[in-house]
Amino acid sequence: MAVATEGFRTLHRQLIAAWEEGGRGRTAFESMGVAYVRFAVANPSHYRVMFGGFVDPNACEPDLAAEAGGAFQALVDALAALQRAGIVRGDDTVKMARFVWSVVHGVAMLGIDGQLREPGAVEDLTSYALQRLGTGIGLDASHRPVRASAS
């Protein structure tokens, strides 16, 4: 539990730093995605303990729950700020955060597991995934929300 707590604490700090240093907008959101994948690839042992089923979420210590929740809340808060600014869709913020998390988590796991072996492949896929995420949740190059068509 101590390893997972330390990992979530570090990830949380890196996500917040990326958001703040990136200016709390589109660039900052993308920086958070890059920070997430970089953390995972640079700390594969921590990452596997954090997400590999080694820790029972029903029996975890309050510090671990707080740190894990804080890391996810950083993403939720960033998306909420982007929604208020009209940069992303007004969809359910938590559901959107889970969608974003699932994409960057997938890229991170491919990187950790050595499935992206070519030089620069992790960075390239991270960039591509974040661009496509931006399109999917409503970010476009001009920072205007992309509206879903009525179906």
N, C-alpha and C. Protein backbone atom coordinates (compact mmCIF):
# COMPACT_ATOMS: atom_id res chain seq x y z
N MET A 1 0.81 -1.19 0.00
CA MET A 1 0.00 0.00 0.00
C MET A 1 0.86 1.26 0.00
N ALA A 2 2.00 1.18 0.65
CA ALA A 2 2.89 2.34 0.70
C ALA A 2 3.42 2.70 -0.68
N VAL A 3 3.74 1.69 -1.47
CA VAL A 3 4.24 1.94 -2.83
C VAL A 3 3.15 2.58 -3.69
N ALA A 4 1.94 2.06 -3.60
CA ALA A 4 0.83 2.62 -4.36
C ALA A 4 0.54 4.05 -3.92
N THR A 5 0.56 4.29 -2.61
CA THR A 5 0.31 5.63 -2.09
C THR A 5 1.34 6.61 -2.62
N GLU A 6 2.61 6.22 -2.55
CA GLU A 6 3.69 7.07 -3.06
C GLU A 6 3.51 7.33 -4.56
N GLY A 7 3.16 6.30 -5.30
CA GLY A 7 2.95 6.45 -6.73
C GLY A 7 1.82 7.41 -7.05
N PHE A 8 0.69 7.26 -6.39
CA PHE A 8 -0.44 8.16 -6.65
C PHE A 8 -0.12 9.59 -6.23
N ARG A 9 0.61 9.74 -5.14
CA ARG A 9 1.00 11.08 -4.69
C ARG A 9 1.88 11.75 -5.74
N THR A 10 2.85 11.01 -6.24
CA THR A 10 3.76 11.57 -7.26
C THR A 10 3.01 11.86 -8.55
N LEU A 11 2.18 10.93 -8.99
CA LEU A 11 1.39 11.16 -10.20
C LEU A 11 0.50 12.38 -10.04
N HIS A 12 -0.17 12.48 -8.90
CA HIS A 12 -1.05 13.63 -8.65
C HIS A 12 -0.27 14.94 -8.77
N ARG A 13 0.89 14.99 -8.13
CA ARG A 13 1.71 16.21 -8.19
C ARG A 13 2.12 16.54 -9.62
N GLN A 14 2.48 15.52 -10.38
CA GLN A 14 2.91 15.75 -11.76
C GLN A 14 1.74 16.21 -12.64
N LEU A 15 0.56 15.67 -12.40
CA LEU A 15 -0.61 16.11 -13.16
C LEU A 15 -0.95 17.56 -12.86
N ILE A 16 -0.93 17.92 -11.58
CA ILE A 16 -1.22 19.30 -11.19
C ILE A 16 -0.17 20.26 -11.77
N ALA A 17 1.10 19.87 -11.70
CA ALA A 17 2.16 20.71 -12.26
C ALA A 17 1.96 20.92 -13.75
N ALA A 18 1.62 19.87 -14.47
CA ALA A 18 1.40 19.99 -15.92
C ALA A 18 0.24 20.93 -16.20
N TRP A 19 -0.83 20.82 -15.43
CA TRP A 19 -2.00 21.68 -15.60
C TRP A 19 -1.64 23.15 -15.32
N GLU A 20 -0.97 23.38 -14.21
CA GLU A 20 -0.61 24.75 -13.83
C GLU A 20 0.41 25.36 -14.79
N GLU A 21 1.47 24.62 -15.07
CA GLU A 21 2.52 25.13 -15.94
C GLU A 21 2.06 25.30 -17.38
N GLY A 22 1.08 24.52 -17.78
CA GLY A 22 0.56 24.60 -19.14
C GLY A 22 -0.45 25.71 -19.36
N GLY A 23 -0.82 26.41 -18.29
CA GLY A 23 -1.71 27.55 -18.44
C GLY A 23 -3.19 27.24 -18.29
N ARG A 24 -3.54 26.04 -17.81
CA ARG A 24 -4.92 25.67 -17.51
C ARG A 24 -5.85 25.72 -18.72
N GLY A 25 -5.36 25.34 -19.86
CA GLY A 25 -6.18 25.30 -21.08
C GLY A 25 -5.89 24.05 -21.88
N ARG A 26 -6.11 24.14 -23.18
CA ARG A 26 -5.90 22.99 -24.06
C ARG A 26 -4.49 22.43 -23.93
N THR A 27 -3.49 23.30 -23.97
CA THR A 27 -2.11 22.86 -23.87
C THR A 27 -1.85 22.17 -22.53
N ALA A 28 -2.43 22.72 -21.48
CA ALA A 28 -2.26 22.12 -20.16
C ALA A 28 -2.91 20.74 -20.08
N PHE A 29 -4.08 20.61 -20.69
CA PHE A 29 -4.77 19.32 -20.71
C PHE A 29 -3.90 18.28 -21.42
N GLU A 30 -3.35 18.64 -22.56
CA GLU A 30 -2.47 17.72 -23.28
C GLU A 30 -1.22 17.41 -22.47
N SER A 31 -0.70 18.41 -21.77
CA SER A 31 0.48 18.20 -20.92
C SER A 31 0.19 17.22 -19.81
N MET A 32 -1.03 17.24 -19.30
CA MET A 32 -1.41 16.27 -18.27
C MET A 32 -1.36 14.85 -18.83
N GLY A 33 -1.83 14.67 -20.05
CA GLY A 33 -1.78 13.35 -20.67
C GLY A 33 -0.35 12.88 -20.87
N VAL A 34 0.49 13.78 -21.32
CA VAL A 34 1.90 13.45 -21.50
C VAL A 34 2.53 13.11 -20.15
N ALA A 35 2.22 13.90 -19.13
CA ALA A 35 2.78 13.64 -17.78
C ALA A 35 2.33 12.28 -17.27
N TYR A 36 1.10 11.90 -17.52
CA TYR A 36 0.58 10.61 -17.07
C TYR A 36 1.37 9.46 -17.70
N VAL A 37 1.52 9.50 -19.00
CA VAL A 37 2.23 8.43 -19.70
C VAL A 37 3.70 8.42 -19.30
N ARG A 38 4.31 9.59 -19.20
CA ARG A 38 5.72 9.64 -18.79
C ARG A 38 5.92 9.06 -17.40
N PHE A 39 5.02 9.40 -16.48
CA PHE A 39 5.12 8.84 -15.14
C PHE A 39 5.07 7.32 -15.19
N ALA A 40 4.11 6.79 -15.92
CA ALA A 40 3.94 5.34 -15.99
C ALA A 40 5.17 4.65 -16.56
N VAL A 41 5.67 5.18 -17.66
CA VAL A 41 6.81 4.55 -18.33
C VAL A 41 8.08 4.70 -17.49
N ALA A 42 8.22 5.81 -16.79
CA ALA A 42 9.41 6.02 -15.95
C ALA A 42 9.34 5.26 -14.63
N ASN A 43 8.13 4.88 -14.22
CA ASN A 43 7.93 4.21 -12.92
C ASN A 43 7.06 2.97 -13.08
N PRO A 44 7.49 2.03 -13.91
CA PRO A 44 6.61 0.88 -14.20
C PRO A 44 6.27 0.04 -12.98
N SER A 45 7.20 -0.10 -12.03
CA SER A 45 6.90 -0.89 -10.84
C SER A 45 5.82 -0.22 -9.99
N HIS A 46 5.97 1.06 -9.76
CA HIS A 46 4.93 1.79 -9.03
C HIS A 46 3.59 1.68 -9.77
N TYR A 47 3.64 1.90 -11.06
CA TYR A 47 2.42 1.91 -11.87
C TYR A 47 1.70 0.56 -11.80
N ARG A 48 2.46 -0.50 -11.88
CA ARG A 48 1.84 -1.84 -11.81
C ARG A 48 1.22 -2.09 -10.44
N VAL A 49 1.87 -1.62 -9.39
CA VAL A 49 1.29 -1.76 -8.05
C VAL A 49 0.03 -0.90 -7.94
N MET A 50 0.06 0.29 -8.50
CA MET A 50 -1.08 1.19 -8.42
C MET A 50 -2.31 0.64 -9.14
N PHE A 51 -2.09 0.00 -10.30
CA PHE A 51 -3.21 -0.39 -11.15
C PHE A 51 -3.30 -1.88 -11.45
N GLY A 52 -2.39 -2.66 -10.92
CA GLY A 52 -2.33 -4.07 -11.29
C GLY A 52 -3.11 -5.02 -10.41
N GLY A 53 -3.99 -4.52 -9.56
CA GLY A 53 -4.79 -5.39 -8.73
C GLY A 53 -4.08 -5.90 -7.49
N PHE A 54 -2.93 -5.30 -7.16
CA PHE A 54 -2.19 -5.73 -5.97
C PHE A 54 -2.79 -5.17 -4.69
N VAL A 55 -3.54 -4.08 -4.83
CA VAL A 55 -4.12 -3.41 -3.68
C VAL A 55 -5.64 -3.57 -3.76
N ASP A 56 -6.23 -4.06 -2.70
CA ASP A 56 -7.67 -4.21 -2.62
C ASP A 56 -8.29 -2.85 -2.30
N PRO A 57 -9.05 -2.27 -3.24
CA PRO A 57 -9.61 -0.95 -2.98
C PRO A 57 -10.57 -0.92 -1.79
N ASN A 58 -11.13 -2.06 -1.44
CA ASN A 58 -12.05 -2.11 -0.31
C ASN A 58 -11.31 -2.18 1.03
N ALA A 59 -10.02 -2.46 0.99
CA ALA A 59 -9.25 -2.59 2.23
C ALA A 59 -8.09 -1.61 2.28
N CYS A 60 -8.12 -0.60 1.46
CA CYS A 60 -6.97 0.30 1.43
C CYS A 60 -7.02 1.33 2.55
N GLU A 61 -5.87 1.80 2.88
CA GLU A 61 -5.70 2.79 3.93
C GLU A 61 -6.23 4.14 3.45
N PRO A 62 -6.63 5.00 4.39
CA PRO A 62 -7.17 6.31 4.01
C PRO A 62 -6.20 7.15 3.16
N ASP A 63 -4.90 7.08 3.46
CA ASP A 63 -3.93 7.85 2.68
C ASP A 63 -3.91 7.40 1.22
N LEU A 64 -3.96 6.09 1.00
CA LEU A 64 -3.97 5.56 -0.36
C LEU A 64 -5.24 6.00 -1.09
N ALA A 65 -6.37 5.87 -0.44
CA ALA A 65 -7.63 6.28 -1.06
C ALA A 65 -7.60 7.77 -1.40
N ALA A 66 -7.06 8.58 -0.50
CA ALA A 66 -6.99 10.02 -0.73
C ALA A 66 -6.07 10.36 -1.90
N GLU A 67 -4.91 9.71 -1.95
CA GLU A 67 -3.96 10.00 -3.03
C GLU A 67 -4.50 9.52 -4.38
N ALA A 68 -5.08 8.33 -4.41
CA ALA A 68 -5.65 7.81 -5.66
C ALA A 68 -6.79 8.70 -6.12
N GLY A 69 -7.65 9.06 -5.19
CA GLY A 69 -8.76 9.95 -5.53
C GLY A 69 -8.30 11.31 -5.99
N GLY A 70 -7.24 11.81 -5.35
CA GLY A 70 -6.70 13.11 -5.73
C GLY A 70 -6.15 13.14 -7.14
N ALA A 71 -5.49 12.05 -7.53
CA ALA A 71 -4.94 11.99 -8.89
C ALA A 71 -6.06 12.01 -9.92
N PHE A 72 -7.12 11.24 -9.68
CA PHE A 72 -8.25 11.24 -10.60
C PHE A 72 -8.97 12.57 -10.56
N GLN A 73 -9.11 13.15 -9.37
CA GLN A 73 -9.81 14.43 -9.23
C GLN A 73 -9.09 15.54 -9.99
N ALA A 74 -7.77 15.46 -10.10
CA ALA A 74 -7.03 16.46 -10.88
C ALA A 74 -7.53 16.49 -12.33
N LEU A 75 -7.77 15.30 -12.88
CA LEU A 75 -8.30 15.21 -14.24
C LEU A 75 -9.73 15.73 -14.30
N VAL A 76 -10.56 15.33 -13.35
CA VAL A 76 -11.95 15.80 -13.31
C VAL A 76 -11.99 17.33 -13.22
N ASP A 77 -11.18 17.89 -12.35
CA ASP A 77 -11.16 19.34 -12.16
C ASP A 77 -10.70 20.07 -13.42
N ALA A 78 -9.70 19.51 -14.10
CA ALA A 78 -9.22 20.13 -15.34
C ALA A 78 -10.33 20.10 -16.39
N LEU A 79 -11.00 18.98 -16.53
CA LEU A 79 -12.09 18.89 -17.50
C LEU A 79 -13.23 19.83 -17.15
N ALA A 80 -13.55 19.95 -15.87
CA ALA A 80 -14.60 20.87 -15.44
C ALA A 80 -14.24 22.32 -15.79
N ALA A 81 -12.98 22.67 -15.59
CA ALA A 81 -12.52 24.02 -15.96
C ALA A 81 -12.63 24.24 -17.47
N LEU A 82 -12.27 23.22 -18.24
CA LEU A 82 -12.38 23.34 -19.69
C LEU A 82 -13.85 23.41 -20.13
N GLN A 83 -14.72 22.74 -19.43
CA GLN A 83 -16.16 22.84 -19.72
C GLN A 83 -16.65 24.26 -19.42
N ARG A 84 -16.27 24.80 -18.29
CA ARG A 84 -16.70 26.16 -17.94
C ARG A 84 -16.20 27.18 -18.95
N ALA A 85 -15.03 26.92 -19.52
CA ALA A 85 -14.46 27.82 -20.53
C ALA A 85 -15.06 27.58 -21.91
N GLY A 86 -15.91 26.57 -22.04
CA GLY A 86 -16.53 26.27 -23.33
C GLY A 86 -15.60 25.58 -24.31
N ILE A 87 -14.57 24.94 -23.78
CA ILE A 87 -13.57 24.30 -24.64
C ILE A 87 -13.90 22.84 -24.89
N VAL A 88 -14.57 22.21 -23.95
CA VAL A 88 -14.97 20.81 -24.15
C VAL A 88 -16.48 20.68 -23.96
N ARG A 89 -16.98 19.57 -24.43
CA ARG A 89 -18.40 19.27 -24.35
C ARG A 89 -18.89 19.31 -22.90
N GLY A 90 -20.16 19.53 -22.76
CA GLY A 90 -20.77 19.57 -21.44
C GLY A 90 -21.24 18.21 -20.95
N ASP A 91 -20.64 17.15 -21.46
CA ASP A 91 -21.00 15.79 -21.05
C ASP A 91 -20.71 15.60 -19.56
N ASP A 92 -21.17 14.48 -19.03
CA ASP A 92 -20.88 14.12 -17.64
C ASP A 92 -19.37 14.14 -17.43
N THR A 93 -18.91 14.98 -16.51
CA THR A 93 -17.48 15.21 -16.33
C THR A 93 -16.74 13.96 -15.86
N VAL A 94 -17.32 13.22 -14.94
CA VAL A 94 -16.66 12.02 -14.44
C VAL A 94 -16.57 10.96 -15.53
N LYS A 95 -17.63 10.80 -16.29
CA LYS A 95 -17.60 9.83 -17.38
C LYS A 95 -16.54 10.23 -18.42
N MET A 96 -16.47 11.52 -18.72
CA MET A 96 -15.46 12.00 -19.66
C MET A 96 -14.06 11.75 -19.11
N ALA A 97 -13.87 11.98 -17.82
CA ALA A 97 -12.56 11.75 -17.20
C ALA A 97 -12.18 10.27 -17.29
N ARG A 98 -13.14 9.40 -17.08
CA ARG A 98 -12.85 7.96 -17.20
C ARG A 98 -12.48 7.59 -18.63
N PHE A 99 -13.12 8.21 -19.60
CA PHE A 99 -12.79 8.00 -21.01
C PHE A 99 -11.35 8.44 -21.29
N VAL A 100 -11.00 9.63 -20.86
CA VAL A 100 -9.64 10.14 -21.05
C VAL A 100 -8.64 9.23 -20.36
N TRP A 101 -8.93 8.88 -19.13
CA TRP A 101 -8.05 8.01 -18.36
C TRP A 101 -7.85 6.68 -19.06
N SER A 102 -8.90 6.10 -19.59
CA SER A 102 -8.76 4.80 -20.25
C SER A 102 -7.83 4.87 -21.45
N VAL A 103 -7.86 5.97 -22.17
CA VAL A 103 -6.99 6.10 -23.35
C VAL A 103 -5.53 6.25 -22.92
N VAL A 104 -5.24 7.18 -22.01
CA VAL A 104 -3.84 7.37 -21.61
C VAL A 104 -3.32 6.16 -20.84
N HIS A 105 -4.20 5.51 -20.09
CA HIS A 105 -3.79 4.29 -19.39
C HIS A 105 -3.41 3.20 -20.40
N GLY A 106 -4.17 3.09 -21.46
CA GLY A 106 -3.85 2.10 -22.50
C GLY A 106 -2.51 2.37 -23.16
N VAL A 107 -2.25 3.62 -23.48
CA VAL A 107 -0.96 3.98 -24.08
C VAL A 107 0.16 3.68 -23.08
N ALA A 108 -0.06 4.05 -21.82
CA ALA A 108 0.96 3.80 -20.79
C ALA A 108 1.27 2.32 -20.68
N MET A 109 0.24 1.48 -20.64
CA MET A 109 0.46 0.03 -20.52
C MET A 109 1.18 -0.53 -21.74
N LEU A 110 0.84 -0.07 -22.93
CA LEU A 110 1.56 -0.53 -24.13
C LEU A 110 3.03 -0.15 -24.03
N GLY A 111 3.30 1.05 -23.53
CA GLY A 111 4.69 1.48 -23.36
C GLY A 111 5.42 0.66 -22.32
N ILE A 112 4.80 0.43 -21.18
CA ILE A 112 5.42 -0.35 -20.11
C ILE A 112 5.67 -1.79 -20.56
N ASP A 113 4.73 -2.36 -21.28
CA ASP A 113 4.83 -3.76 -21.69
C ASP A 113 5.72 -3.97 -22.92
N GLY A 114 6.34 -2.91 -23.41
CA GLY A 114 7.27 -3.04 -24.53
C GLY A 114 6.60 -3.27 -25.88
N GLN A 115 5.34 -2.94 -25.98
CA GLN A 115 4.63 -3.14 -27.23
C GLN A 115 4.88 -2.02 -28.24
N LEU A 116 5.48 -0.94 -27.79
CA LEU A 116 5.79 0.20 -28.66
C LEU A 116 7.31 0.33 -28.69
N ARG A 117 7.95 -0.51 -29.45
CA ARG A 117 9.41 -0.66 -29.38
C ARG A 117 10.20 0.33 -30.21
N GLU A 118 9.60 0.85 -31.28
CA GLU A 118 10.37 1.76 -32.14
C GLU A 118 10.72 3.03 -31.36
N PRO A 119 11.87 3.60 -31.65
CA PRO A 119 12.25 4.85 -30.97
C PRO A 119 11.17 5.92 -31.17
N GLY A 120 10.77 6.53 -30.08
CA GLY A 120 9.77 7.59 -30.14
C GLY A 120 8.33 7.12 -30.27
N ALA A 121 8.09 5.81 -30.29
CA ALA A 121 6.74 5.29 -30.51
C ALA A 121 5.78 5.65 -29.38
N VAL A 122 6.25 5.63 -28.14
CA VAL A 122 5.38 5.97 -27.02
C VAL A 122 4.97 7.44 -27.12
N GLU A 123 5.93 8.30 -27.37
CA GLU A 123 5.64 9.72 -27.49
C GLU A 123 4.72 10.00 -28.67
N ASP A 124 4.98 9.32 -29.79
CA ASP A 124 4.16 9.52 -30.98
C ASP A 124 2.72 9.10 -30.74
N LEU A 125 2.53 7.92 -30.15
CA LEU A 125 1.17 7.45 -29.88
C LEU A 125 0.49 8.32 -28.83
N THR A 126 1.25 8.78 -27.84
CA THR A 126 0.67 9.67 -26.83
C THR A 126 0.15 10.94 -27.50
N SER A 127 0.95 11.53 -28.35
CA SER A 127 0.54 12.74 -29.05
C SER A 127 -0.70 12.50 -29.91
N TYR A 128 -0.68 11.42 -30.66
CA TYR A 128 -1.82 11.09 -31.53
C TYR A 128 -3.08 10.86 -30.68
N ALA A 129 -2.94 10.08 -29.60
CA ALA A 129 -4.09 9.79 -28.75
C ALA A 129 -4.67 11.06 -28.14
N LEU A 130 -3.82 11.97 -27.71
CA LEU A 130 -4.30 13.21 -27.12
C LEU A 130 -4.98 14.10 -28.15
N GLN A 131 -4.46 14.12 -29.36
CA GLN A 131 -5.12 14.88 -30.43
C GLN A 131 -6.51 14.30 -30.70
N ARG A 132 -6.61 12.99 -30.81
CA ARG A 132 -7.91 12.35 -31.07
C ARG A 132 -8.84 12.52 -29.89
N LEU A 133 -8.31 12.44 -28.67
CA LEU A 133 -9.13 12.70 -27.49
C LEU A 133 -9.70 14.11 -27.55
N GLY A 134 -8.85 15.05 -27.90
CA GLY A 134 -9.30 16.44 -28.00
C GLY A 134 -10.46 16.58 -28.97
N THR A 135 -10.37 15.93 -30.09
CA THR A 135 -11.45 15.96 -31.06
C THR A 135 -12.70 15.31 -30.48
N GLY A 136 -12.52 14.19 -29.81
CA GLY A 136 -13.65 13.44 -29.28
C GLY A 136 -14.40 14.14 -28.18
N ILE A 137 -13.70 14.87 -27.33
CA ILE A 137 -14.38 15.53 -26.22
C ILE A 137 -14.69 16.98 -26.53
N GLY A 138 -14.30 17.44 -27.70
CA GLY A 138 -14.73 18.76 -28.11
C GLY A 138 -13.66 19.80 -28.31
N LEU A 139 -12.40 19.45 -28.18
CA LEU A 139 -11.35 20.43 -28.43
C LEU A 139 -11.00 20.45 -29.90
N ASP A 140 -10.89 21.61 -30.47
CA ASP A 140 -10.34 21.70 -31.81
C ASP A 140 -9.17 22.68 -31.78
N ALA A 141 -8.49 22.82 -32.88
CA ALA A 141 -7.26 23.63 -32.91
C ALA A 141 -7.51 25.08 -32.52
N SER A 142 -8.72 25.59 -32.73
CA SER A 142 -9.01 26.99 -32.41
C SER A 142 -9.61 27.13 -31.00
N HIS A 143 -9.65 26.03 -30.26
CA HIS A 143 -10.18 26.01 -28.90
C HIS A 143 -11.70 26.16 -28.87
N ARG A 144 -12.37 25.96 -30.01
CA ARG A 144 -13.83 25.99 -30.03
C ARG A 144 -14.37 24.61 -29.77
N PRO A 145 -15.47 24.52 -29.01
CA PRO A 145 -16.04 23.19 -28.80
C PRO A 145 -16.57 22.62 -30.11
N VAL A 146 -16.36 21.36 -30.31
CA VAL A 146 -16.91 20.67 -31.45
C VAL A 146 -18.24 20.10 -30.98
N ARG A 147 -19.32 20.56 -31.56
CA ARG A 147 -20.64 20.15 -31.11
C ARG A 147 -21.04 18.84 -31.76
N ALA A 148 -21.64 17.99 -30.97
CA ALA A 148 -22.17 16.74 -31.50
C ALA A 148 -23.41 17.06 -32.31
N SER A 149 -23.57 16.39 -33.44
CA SER A 149 -24.76 16.60 -34.24
C SER A 149 -25.93 15.89 -33.59
N ALA A 150 -27.10 16.46 -33.74
CA ALA A 150 -28.30 15.82 -33.18
C ALA A 150 -28.65 14.61 -34.00
N SER A 151 -28.85 13.49 -33.35
CA SER A 151 -29.17 12.28 -34.05
C SER A 151 -30.56 11.82 -33.69
